[in-house]
């Protein structure tokens, strides 16, 4: 009975239905119109596989839908278009995937390109002896790889306007190869079982015809002994020879052996395994891959834009690299110029404390030697050297280092 539940569940899922299983009961909704029309029964369907229950149909191997489903599977596979609705709050989601250590998101502009998952639903029928067993298998392919699909994702009917024609030839070939691996254990199991049964039948046939041959040989030997014992009685010998002749005519040993082989060949055909696989349905599931432009506030009113890619299916941000050394980073540190930096390539300005990186234009104060970011270094209008705020002054709108200021004072005094 578990096989029957799995058969129903997998079939209705394969044609895009919503299937809810409660112990040994199935509730099937959102049935495609083509199946409702084919079966002559509108949904939703309520099935019980254990017992009669009010409001539910009791399902057994003889249930009418078993035959209907198998007839439906004989038809041509159709294509269904679905989309995954993620419903993402990016301001909350992105920081969960990669931390922002010294900045926060102010706004997000996004655009997306569609990616495609191909779901192939196969019905494989194993036919042997007087049995006919159908198994449904669903295989998902993304980026030319077989994947496990999260069936808890929110799927909605796709819009053909969002869809560009895509070829599924490579994906279909991959799915067929994967299907061979999936059904191989069952195939080997059935072959072993049928092989054992065939060997038993052949042994039975061999024994039966060996007994027949032994019986004929015993009769032959008995008649020959009688002939030998009654050589003096010509009439009796004549009768015995006639009986021997009739025995050989009616029980031709070659004929017995031919008949034995015919029966063996018949059993070989009877115990053969026929496997027939049909594509029931191809479902194209598309989802967006997002390219995000994030406006980040690094310091108060210091806004910078960075670009990130986000895969909502895997829930991962595309690899992010340090602007200076190119190493992939697992956290985002922004320098005051808006570069993404790693901890090794980033440092803090000795004057304002802002982060700068090796890609930034930095200068050192000629007086104290401290490294300054591009916002904090000053050029002396007199000598042209670089100084920090502490070692430079403003005089009549000009920036003058303290050394040049002392020289001017000395000249003035003289």
Protein backbone atom coordinates (compact mmCIF):
# COMPACT_ATOMS: atom_id res chain seq x y z
CA UNK A 1 0.00 0.00 0.00
CA UNK A 2 2.93 2.37 0.63
CA UNK A 3 3.95 1.93 -3.03
CA UNK A 4 0.44 2.99 -4.08
CA UNK A 5 0.59 6.12 -1.89
CA UNK A 6 3.99 7.02 -3.35
CA UNK A 7 2.70 6.39 -6.87
CA UNK A 8 -0.28 8.73 -6.40
CA UNK A 9 1.78 11.37 -4.58
CA UNK A 10 4.60 11.45 -7.13
CA UNK A 11 2.23 11.43 -10.10
CA UNK A 12 0.13 14.37 -8.93
CA UNK A 13 3.25 16.34 -7.94
CA UNK A 14 4.74 15.62 -11.36
CA UNK A 15 1.83 17.32 -13.14
CA UNK A 16 2.04 20.39 -10.87
CA UNK A 17 -0.62 19.61 -8.25
CA UNK A 18 -0.46 20.68 -4.62
CA UNK A 19 -0.25 17.43 -2.62
CA UNK A 20 -0.68 17.28 1.16
CA UNK A 21 -0.07 13.95 2.89
CA UNK A 22 -1.60 13.21 6.28
CA UNK A 23 -0.48 9.81 7.48
CA UNK A 24 -2.18 7.46 4.97
CA UNK A 25 -4.33 10.11 3.31
CA UNK A 26 -3.72 12.47 0.42
CA UNK A 27 -5.38 15.78 -0.35
CA UNK A 28 -4.73 16.85 -3.95
CA UNK A 29 -5.59 20.36 -5.15
CA UNK A 30 -4.70 22.71 -8.02
CA UNK A 31 -5.23 19.91 -10.55
CA UNK A 32 -4.43 20.93 -14.14
CA UNK A 33 -7.50 21.31 -16.34
CA UNK A 34 -6.20 18.79 -18.88
CA UNK A 35 -6.09 16.02 -16.25
CA UNK A 36 -9.52 16.95 -14.88
CA UNK A 37 -10.89 16.75 -18.41
CA UNK A 38 -9.08 13.46 -19.10
CA UNK A 39 -10.27 11.81 -15.89
CA UNK A 40 -13.74 13.35 -15.95
CA UNK A 41 -13.37 14.34 -12.29
CA UNK A 42 -12.89 17.86 -10.94
CA UNK A 43 -10.66 18.51 -7.93
CA UNK A 44 -9.78 18.72 -5.19
CA UNK A 45 -9.31 14.99 -4.53
CA UNK A 46 -9.43 13.40 -1.07
CA UNK A 47 -7.92 9.90 -0.92
CA UNK A 48 -7.73 7.40 1.94
CA UNK A 49 -5.43 4.38 1.57
CA UNK A 50 -6.38 2.61 4.79
CA UNK A 51 -10.11 2.57 5.28
CA UNK A 52 -13.43 4.03 4.29
CA UNK A 53 -13.72 7.56 5.62
CA UNK A 54 -16.45 10.15 5.16
CA UNK A 55 -15.52 12.69 2.50
CA UNK A 56 -12.57 10.56 1.25
CA UNK A 57 -12.28 8.02 -1.55
CA UNK A 58 -10.89 4.68 -0.46
CA UNK A 59 -8.05 3.76 -2.82
CA UNK A 60 -6.88 0.23 -3.61
CA UNK A 61 -5.00 -1.32 -6.52
CA UNK A 62 -8.34 -1.68 -8.33
CA UNK A 63 -9.28 2.02 -7.88
CA UNK A 64 -10.45 3.49 -11.18
CA UNK A 65 -7.84 6.31 -11.11
CA UNK A 66 -4.98 3.79 -11.21
CA UNK A 67 -5.98 2.82 -14.74
CA UNK A 68 -6.80 6.45 -15.63
CA UNK A 69 -3.37 7.64 -14.50
CA UNK A 70 -1.62 4.90 -16.48
CA UNK A 71 -3.63 5.82 -19.58
CA UNK A 72 -2.78 9.48 -19.02
CA UNK A 73 0.90 8.55 -18.78
CA UNK A 74 0.67 6.95 -22.21
CA UNK A 75 0.01 10.40 -23.63
CA UNK A 76 2.57 12.92 -24.71
CA UNK A 77 4.55 14.79 -22.05
CA UNK A 78 3.57 18.42 -21.64
CA UNK A 79 5.51 21.49 -20.55
CA UNK A 80 4.59 23.56 -17.52
CA UNK A 81 5.96 27.01 -16.71
CA UNK A 82 6.37 28.01 -13.05
CA UNK A 83 8.21 30.72 -11.16
CA UNK A 84 9.61 30.84 -7.64
CA UNK A 85 8.24 33.69 -5.55
CA UNK A 86 10.83 34.49 -2.89
CA UNK A 87 9.36 37.70 -1.45
CA UNK A 88 12.74 39.04 -0.21
CA UNK A 89 13.30 42.00 2.09
CA UNK A 90 16.80 42.81 0.85
CA UNK A 91 17.69 45.23 3.66
CA UNK A 92 17.18 42.40 6.12
CA UNK A 93 18.36 39.52 3.93
CA UNK A 94 21.71 40.75 2.58
CA UNK A 95 23.32 41.52 5.99
CA UNK A 96 22.42 37.95 7.05
CA UNK A 97 24.52 36.59 4.20
CA UNK A 98 27.53 38.91 4.50
CA UNK A 99 28.12 41.31 7.43
CA UNK A 100 28.76 45.03 6.92
CA UNK A 101 31.28 46.02 9.58
CA UNK A 102 31.49 49.80 9.23
CA UNK A 103 28.55 50.74 7.03
CA UNK A 104 24.82 50.22 6.66
CA UNK A 105 22.41 50.02 3.76
CA UNK A 106 20.50 53.21 2.98
CA UNK A 107 18.81 52.15 -0.26
CA UNK A 108 18.90 49.37 -2.86
CA UNK A 109 18.38 49.45 -6.61
CA UNK A 110 18.03 46.05 -8.21
CA UNK A 111 17.71 44.40 -11.56
CA UNK A 112 17.59 40.72 -12.35
CA UNK A 113 18.12 38.06 -14.96
CA UNK A 114 16.16 34.81 -15.02
CA UNK A 115 17.76 31.47 -14.33
CA UNK A 116 16.09 28.17 -15.18
CA UNK A 117 15.57 24.87 -13.40
CA UNK A 118 14.35 22.01 -15.56
CA UNK A 119 12.16 19.43 -13.86
CA UNK A 120 11.63 16.22 -15.81
CA UNK A 121 8.92 13.81 -14.64
CA UNK A 122 9.38 10.27 -15.95
CA UNK A 123 7.00 7.31 -15.73
CA UNK A 124 8.90 4.01 -15.88
CA UNK A 125 6.85 0.85 -16.36
CA UNK A 126 8.33 -2.52 -15.41
CA UNK A 127 6.45 -5.32 -17.17
CA UNK A 128 7.19 -8.95 -16.29
CA UNK A 129 5.19 -12.19 -15.99
CA UNK A 130 1.63 -10.95 -15.45
CA UNK A 131 2.73 -7.85 -13.51
CA UNK A 132 2.86 -4.24 -14.66
CA UNK A 133 4.36 -1.73 -12.23
CA UNK A 134 4.74 2.01 -12.88
CA UNK A 135 7.14 4.24 -10.95
CA UNK A 136 7.27 8.07 -11.15
CA UNK A 137 10.65 9.81 -10.85
CA UNK A 138 11.29 13.54 -10.85
CA UNK A 139 14.71 14.90 -11.78
CA UNK A 140 15.81 18.55 -11.49
CA UNK A 141 18.62 20.10 -13.54
CA UNK A 142 20.25 23.50 -12.99
CA UNK A 143 23.39 24.76 -14.76
CA UNK A 144 23.89 21.31 -16.33
CA UNK A 145 23.96 19.64 -12.91
CA UNK A 146 21.48 17.37 -11.16
CA UNK A 147 20.20 19.13 -8.03
CA UNK A 148 17.99 18.44 -5.04
CA UNK A 149 14.99 20.74 -5.11
CA UNK A 150 13.35 22.28 -2.06
CA UNK A 151 9.65 21.49 -2.51
CA UNK A 152 8.73 23.92 0.27
CA UNK A 153 9.53 26.87 -2.01
CA UNK A 154 6.59 29.04 -3.02
CA UNK A 155 5.80 28.23 -6.66
CA UNK A 156 3.41 30.28 -8.77
CA UNK A 157 2.23 30.02 -12.36
CA UNK A 158 4.81 31.47 -14.70
CA UNK A 159 4.24 34.35 -17.05
CA UNK A 160 5.21 33.72 -20.67
CA UNK A 161 6.17 37.39 -20.98
CA UNK A 162 8.98 36.74 -18.45
CA UNK A 163 10.12 33.70 -20.36
CA UNK A 164 12.60 33.46 -23.17
CA UNK A 165 12.67 30.29 -25.25
CA UNK A 166 15.39 27.99 -23.97
CA UNK A 167 16.63 24.64 -25.22
CA UNK A 168 16.47 21.72 -22.80
CA UNK A 169 18.30 19.10 -24.89
CA UNK A 170 21.41 18.91 -22.69
CA UNK A 171 19.34 18.95 -19.52
CA UNK A 172 17.08 16.19 -20.84
CA UNK A 173 20.09 14.01 -21.71
CA UNK A 174 21.48 14.52 -18.20
CA UNK A 175 18.12 13.63 -16.69
CA UNK A 176 17.87 10.44 -18.76
CA UNK A 177 21.33 9.35 -17.61
CA UNK A 178 20.40 10.10 -14.00
CA UNK A 179 17.18 8.13 -14.41
CA UNK A 180 19.18 5.06 -15.48
CA UNK A 181 21.11 5.27 -12.21
CA UNK A 182 17.91 5.69 -10.20
CA UNK A 183 16.08 2.70 -11.68
CA UNK A 184 19.18 0.46 -11.83
CA UNK A 185 18.74 -1.04 -8.32
CA UNK A 186 15.11 -1.97 -9.04
CA UNK A 187 16.06 -3.31 -12.47
CA UNK A 188 18.80 -5.49 -10.97
CA UNK A 189 16.47 -6.67 -8.21
CA UNK A 190 13.77 -7.71 -10.71
CA UNK A 191 16.30 -9.39 -13.01
CA UNK A 192 17.66 -11.40 -10.10
CA UNK A 193 14.17 -12.40 -8.98
CA UNK A 194 13.10 -13.36 -12.51
CA UNK A 195 16.39 -15.19 -13.08
CA UNK A 196 15.86 -17.31 -9.97
CA UNK A 197 12.29 -18.11 -10.99
CA UNK A 198 13.42 -18.95 -14.53
CA UNK A 199 16.13 -21.29 -13.24
CA UNK A 200 13.54 -23.07 -11.10
CA UNK A 201 11.21 -23.44 -14.10
CA UNK A 202 14.00 -24.72 -16.34
CA UNK A 203 15.03 -27.21 -13.67
CA UNK A 204 11.40 -28.37 -13.41
CA UNK A 205 11.13 -28.77 -17.20
CA UNK A 206 14.47 -30.57 -17.38
CA UNK A 207 13.36 -32.95 -14.64
CA UNK A 208 9.98 -33.55 -16.29
CA UNK A 209 11.49 -34.41 -19.68
CA UNK A 210 14.31 -36.38 -18.10
CA UNK A 211 11.65 -38.47 -16.41
CA UNK A 212 9.89 -38.93 -19.76
CA UNK A 213 13.14 -40.02 -21.42
CA UNK A 214 13.96 -42.35 -18.53
CA UNK A 215 10.52 -43.92 -18.77
CA UNK A 216 10.94 -44.51 -22.52
CA UNK A 217 14.41 -45.94 -22.02
CA UNK A 218 13.12 -48.26 -19.29
CA UNK A 219 10.37 -49.51 -21.64
CA UNK A 220 12.94 -49.98 -24.42
CA UNK A 221 15.27 -51.95 -22.17
CA UNK A 222 12.38 -54.09 -20.89
CA UNK A 223 11.29 -54.99 -24.44
CA UNK A 224 14.87 -55.73 -25.49
CA UNK A 225 15.33 -58.06 -22.54
CA UNK A 226 12.10 -59.84 -23.41
CA UNK A 227 13.20 -60.24 -27.01
CA UNK A 228 16.54 -61.66 -25.87
CA UNK A 229 14.81 -64.05 -23.47
CA UNK A 230 12.32 -65.32 -26.09
CA UNK A 231 14.59 -65.90 -29.08
CA UNK A 232 13.11 -69.39 -29.55
CA UNK A 233 9.55 -68.08 -29.88
CA UNK A 234 9.50 -66.34 -33.25
CA UNK A 235 5.91 -65.16 -33.00
CA UNK A 236 6.48 -63.60 -29.60
CA UNK A 237 9.74 -61.99 -30.76
CA UNK A 238 7.88 -60.60 -33.74
CA UNK A 239 5.20 -59.08 -31.47
CA UNK A 240 7.85 -57.65 -29.13
CA UNK A 241 9.79 -56.09 -32.03
CA UNK A 242 6.57 -54.51 -33.26
CA UNK A 243 5.93 -53.07 -29.80
CA UNK A 244 9.50 -51.75 -29.72
CA UNK A 245 9.06 -50.20 -33.15
CA UNK A 246 5.79 -48.52 -32.09
CA UNK A 247 7.45 -47.24 -28.91
CA UNK A 248 10.28 -45.66 -30.89
CA UNK A 249 7.84 -44.07 -33.34
CA UNK A 250 5.49 -42.65 -30.68
CA UNK A 251 8.21 -41.49 -28.31
CA UNK A 252 10.94 -40.08 -30.51
CA UNK A 253 13.77 -38.99 -28.20
CA UNK A 254 14.77 -36.12 -30.47
CA UNK A 255 11.19 -34.94 -30.52
CA UNK A 256 11.11 -35.00 -26.71
CA UNK A 257 14.29 -32.94 -26.55
CA UNK A 258 12.96 -30.43 -29.12
CA UNK A 259 9.76 -30.11 -27.14
CA UNK A 260 11.80 -29.57 -23.99
CA UNK A 261 13.74 -26.72 -25.66
CA UNK A 262 10.50 -25.15 -26.90
CA UNK A 263 9.13 -25.05 -23.38
CA UNK A 264 12.39 -23.61 -22.05
CA UNK A 265 12.37 -20.83 -24.68
CA UNK A 266 8.76 -20.09 -23.82
CA UNK A 267 9.71 -19.69 -20.14
CA UNK A 268 12.67 -17.46 -21.06
CA UNK A 269 10.32 -15.13 -22.96
CA UNK A 270 7.79 -15.30 -20.15
CA UNK A 271 10.39 -14.31 -17.53
CA UNK A 272 11.79 -11.46 -19.59
CA UNK A 273 11.76 -7.91 -18.19
CA UNK A 274 10.40 -5.11 -20.35
CA UNK A 275 11.17 -1.57 -19.24
CA UNK A 276 9.34 1.36 -20.84
CA UNK A 277 10.08 4.96 -19.84
CA UNK A 278 8.00 7.94 -20.92
CA UNK A 279 8.46 11.64 -20.25
CA UNK A 280 5.26 12.65 -18.48
CA UNK A 281 5.95 16.33 -17.99
CA UNK A 282 8.66 18.95 -18.37
CA UNK A 283 8.42 21.83 -15.94
CA UNK A 284 10.53 24.93 -16.43
CA UNK A 285 10.93 26.73 -13.13
CA UNK A 286 12.48 30.16 -13.40
CA UNK A 287 13.79 32.44 -10.69
CA UNK A 288 15.67 35.75 -10.63
CA UNK A 289 19.37 36.24 -10.05
CA UNK A 290 19.70 39.75 -8.61
CA UNK A 291 22.31 42.38 -9.40
CA UNK A 292 22.12 44.89 -6.56
CA UNK A 293 23.39 48.46 -6.33
CA UNK A 294 23.59 49.23 -2.63
CA UNK A 295 23.90 52.81 -1.41
CA UNK A 296 25.91 52.52 1.79
CA UNK A 297 26.44 55.08 4.51
CA UNK A 298 30.09 54.67 5.57
CA UNK A 299 30.19 57.66 7.86
CA UNK A 300 27.59 60.28 8.59
CA UNK A 301 26.44 61.66 5.23
CA UNK A 302 29.28 59.81 3.47
CA UNK A 303 27.39 57.68 0.92
CA UNK A 304 29.07 55.12 -1.32
CA UNK A 305 27.66 52.66 -3.88
CA UNK A 306 28.75 49.03 -4.11
CA UNK A 307 27.56 46.23 -6.38
CA UNK A 308 26.61 42.74 -5.19
CA UNK A 309 25.09 39.70 -6.86
CA UNK A 310 22.56 37.61 -4.92
CA UNK A 311 21.31 34.08 -5.64
CA UNK A 312 17.99 33.67 -3.77
CA UNK A 313 17.82 29.92 -4.45
CA UNK A 314 21.11 29.17 -2.70
CA UNK A 315 20.76 32.22 -0.44
CA UNK A 316 24.30 33.33 -1.13
CA UNK A 317 25.98 36.56 -2.17
CA UNK A 318 28.32 36.35 -5.14
CA UNK A 319 32.02 36.29 -4.16
CA UNK A 320 33.25 39.70 -2.94
CA UNK A 321 36.92 40.64 -3.34
CA UNK A 322 39.27 43.15 -1.78
CA UNK A 323 39.92 46.06 -4.13
CA UNK A 324 43.62 46.09 -3.26
CA UNK A 325 44.81 42.47 -3.11
CA UNK A 326 41.93 40.68 -4.85
CA UNK A 327 41.43 38.21 -2.00
CA UNK A 328 37.85 37.02 -1.41
CA UNK A 329 36.36 38.48 1.75
CA UNK A 330 33.60 37.12 3.98
CA UNK A 331 32.77 40.52 5.44
CA UNK A 332 32.48 43.97 3.93
CA UNK A 333 34.67 46.81 5.18
CA UNK A 334 34.38 50.01 3.17
CA UNK A 335 37.12 52.60 3.13
CA UNK A 336 36.25 56.28 3.04
CA UNK A 337 36.62 56.21 -0.76
CA UNK A 338 34.08 53.39 -1.08
CA UNK A 339 36.53 50.57 -1.84
CA UNK A 340 35.90 47.12 -0.38
CA UNK A 341 38.95 46.15 1.64
CA UNK A 342 40.20 43.21 3.67
CA UNK A 343 41.63 43.62 7.15
CA UNK A 344 45.22 43.29 5.88
CA UNK A 345 44.83 46.03 3.26
CA UNK A 346 42.81 48.44 5.40
CA UNK A 347 43.95 50.82 8.12
CA UNK A 348 42.68 53.91 9.93
CA UNK A 349 43.57 57.49 9.18
CA UNK A 350 45.72 58.93 11.97
CA UNK A 351 43.78 62.18 11.80
CA UNK A 352 40.04 61.39 11.45
CA UNK A 353 39.99 57.65 12.20
CA UNK A 354 38.30 56.77 8.90
CA UNK A 355 39.30 53.55 7.12
CA UNK A 356 41.57 53.82 4.12
CA UNK A 357 42.98 51.04 1.95
CA UNK A 358 46.01 50.44 -0.23
CA UNK A 359 44.05 51.56 -3.31
CA UNK A 360 43.41 54.97 -1.76
CA UNK A 361 45.63 58.00 -2.29
CA UNK A 362 47.26 58.52 1.11
CA UNK A 363 50.00 60.88 2.22
CA UNK A 364 52.30 61.13 5.24
CA UNK A 365 52.74 64.20 7.35
CA UNK A 366 56.23 65.65 6.84
CA UNK A 367 56.35 66.63 10.48
CA UNK A 368 55.03 63.62 12.44
CA UNK A 369 55.08 60.90 9.75
CA UNK A 370 51.47 59.78 10.36
CA UNK A 371 49.53 58.37 7.36
CA UNK A 372 46.57 60.50 6.30
CA UNK A 373 43.52 59.74 4.14
CA UNK A 374 42.69 61.88 1.12
CA UNK A 375 40.32 64.02 3.20
CA UNK A 376 42.85 64.86 5.90
CA UNK A 377 46.16 65.76 4.32
CA UNK A 378 47.01 69.40 3.60
CA UNK A 379 49.55 70.93 1.24
CA UNK A 380 51.50 73.92 2.49
CA UNK A 381 51.03 76.84 0.10
CA UNK A 382 54.54 78.02 0.87
CA UNK A 383 56.75 74.93 0.64
CA UNK A 384 54.35 72.52 -1.05
CA UNK A 385 54.90 69.77 1.52
CA UNK A 386 52.16 67.59 3.07
CA UNK A 387 51.08 68.03 6.70
CA UNK A 388 48.33 66.89 9.06
CA UNK A 389 45.79 69.32 10.55
CA UNK A 390 47.89 69.63 13.73
CA UNK A 391 51.01 70.74 11.89
CA UNK A 392 49.45 73.29 9.54
CA UNK A 393 47.62 76.57 10.10
CA UNK A 394 45.44 78.84 8.00
CA UNK A 395 46.66 82.36 7.48
CA UNK A 396 44.70 84.82 5.34
CA UNK A 397 42.98 81.92 3.53
CA UNK A 398 46.25 80.14 2.91
CA UNK A 399 47.52 76.91 4.45
CA UNK A 400 50.94 77.36 6.00
CA UNK A 401 52.97 74.72 7.83
CA UNK A 402 54.39 75.71 11.17
CA UNK A 403 57.96 75.71 9.88
CA UNK A 404 57.10 78.19 7.10
CA UNK A 405 55.07 80.22 9.57
CA UNK A 406 58.11 80.57 11.86
CA UNK A 407 60.26 81.66 8.92
CA UNK A 408 57.72 84.33 7.99
CA UNK A 409 57.64 85.60 11.56
CA UNK A 410 61.46 85.81 11.62
CA UNK A 411 61.56 87.76 8.35
CA UNK A 412 58.89 90.12 9.65
CA UNK A 413 60.86 90.81 12.81
CA UNK A 414 64.02 91.57 10.89
